């Protein structure tokens, strides 16, 4: 009994968008003023960083490996509520 196989025409997928560092690099090369404006807008912003860190010994040398899990802007009202709750529980 013959088996029929349908082969669809191959349509290549769209390439993924460039990651943000590449976009910044392209912007730096094409429009330096705009690049400087983006960098200046990010200075002195406060953020919460959730990181995981571990220390390893490789070839008798201690190395610290840190991975950033999450970056988020500080929600001041939520932080105040958490602090007030912690004070009340104390």
Protein backbone atom coordinates (compact mmCIF):
# COMPACT_ATOMS: atom_id res chain seq x y z
CA UNK A 1 0.00 0.00 0.00
CA UNK A 2 1.66 3.30 -1.06
CA UNK A 3 2.02 6.08 1.48
CA UNK A 4 1.25 9.60 0.31
CA UNK A 5 3.28 12.36 1.88
CA UNK A 6 2.27 15.95 1.47
CA UNK A 7 5.20 18.34 1.49
CA UNK A 8 4.27 21.96 1.96
CA UNK A 9 6.32 24.64 0.26
CA UNK A 10 9.06 25.80 2.54
CA UNK A 11 8.53 29.34 3.74
CA UNK A 12 11.47 30.52 5.78
CA UNK A 13 10.52 32.07 9.12
CA UNK A 14 11.10 35.72 9.75
CA UNK A 15 14.34 36.44 11.55
CA UNK A 16 13.88 37.40 15.20
CA UNK A 17 14.27 41.05 16.10
CA UNK A 18 17.75 41.98 17.24
CA UNK A 19 18.33 41.86 20.97
CA UNK A 20 18.36 45.22 22.78
CA UNK A 21 22.17 45.47 23.04
CA UNK A 22 22.42 45.12 19.28
CA UNK A 23 19.73 47.75 18.81
CA UNK A 24 21.67 50.10 21.05
CA UNK A 25 24.87 49.40 19.15
CA UNK A 26 23.15 50.14 15.84
CA UNK A 27 21.67 53.32 17.30
CA UNK A 28 25.09 54.36 18.60
CA UNK A 29 26.59 53.95 15.14
CA UNK A 30 23.75 55.66 13.25
CA UNK A 31 22.47 58.36 15.63
CA UNK A 32 24.87 59.18 18.50
CA UNK A 33 22.69 62.00 19.90
CA UNK A 34 19.69 59.73 20.29
CA UNK A 35 21.93 57.08 21.88
CA UNK A 36 23.23 59.61 24.42
CA UNK A 37 19.66 60.69 25.25
CA UNK A 38 18.67 57.07 26.00
CA UNK A 39 21.70 56.58 28.25
CA UNK A 40 21.11 59.85 30.11
CA UNK A 41 17.44 58.95 30.69
CA UNK A 42 18.50 55.75 32.50
CA UNK A 43 21.00 57.40 34.87
CA UNK A 44 20.12 57.65 38.57
CA UNK A 45 17.00 55.47 38.33
CA UNK A 46 16.34 53.25 41.33
CA UNK A 47 15.49 49.63 40.63
CA UNK A 48 15.04 46.39 42.52
CA UNK A 49 17.43 43.65 41.47
CA UNK A 50 16.73 40.02 42.25
CA UNK A 51 19.94 38.07 41.79
CA UNK A 52 21.31 34.62 42.49
CA UNK A 53 24.93 34.29 43.43
CA UNK A 54 27.21 31.36 44.15
CA UNK A 55 30.86 30.93 44.84
CA UNK A 56 32.83 28.21 43.09
CA UNK A 57 36.37 26.98 43.42
CA UNK A 58 37.96 26.24 40.05
CA UNK A 59 41.62 25.29 39.81
CA UNK A 60 42.22 26.42 43.42
CA UNK A 61 40.79 29.84 42.58
CA UNK A 62 37.58 31.21 44.06
CA UNK A 63 35.12 32.63 41.55
CA UNK A 64 31.85 34.40 42.25
CA UNK A 65 29.11 33.71 39.73
CA UNK A 66 26.12 36.08 39.82
CA UNK A 67 22.98 35.79 37.70
CA UNK A 68 20.39 38.58 37.56
CA UNK A 69 16.95 37.00 37.64
CA UNK A 70 14.75 40.08 37.57
CA UNK A 71 14.99 43.86 37.25
CA UNK A 72 12.00 46.01 38.09
CA UNK A 73 11.30 49.64 38.83
CA UNK A 74 10.60 50.39 42.46
CA UNK A 75 6.91 50.62 43.29
CA UNK A 76 7.13 53.02 46.22
CA UNK A 77 3.55 52.55 47.43
CA UNK A 78 3.95 48.77 47.49
CA UNK A 79 7.33 49.01 49.24
CA UNK A 80 5.85 51.32 51.91
CA UNK A 81 2.96 48.91 52.51
CA UNK A 82 5.39 46.01 52.93
CA UNK A 83 7.52 48.02 55.38
CA UNK A 84 4.46 49.09 57.42
CA UNK A 85 3.26 45.47 57.56
CA UNK A 86 6.70 44.32 58.70
CA UNK A 87 6.79 47.01 61.42
CA UNK A 88 3.30 46.05 62.61
CA UNK A 89 4.23 42.38 62.82
CA UNK A 90 7.33 43.23 64.84
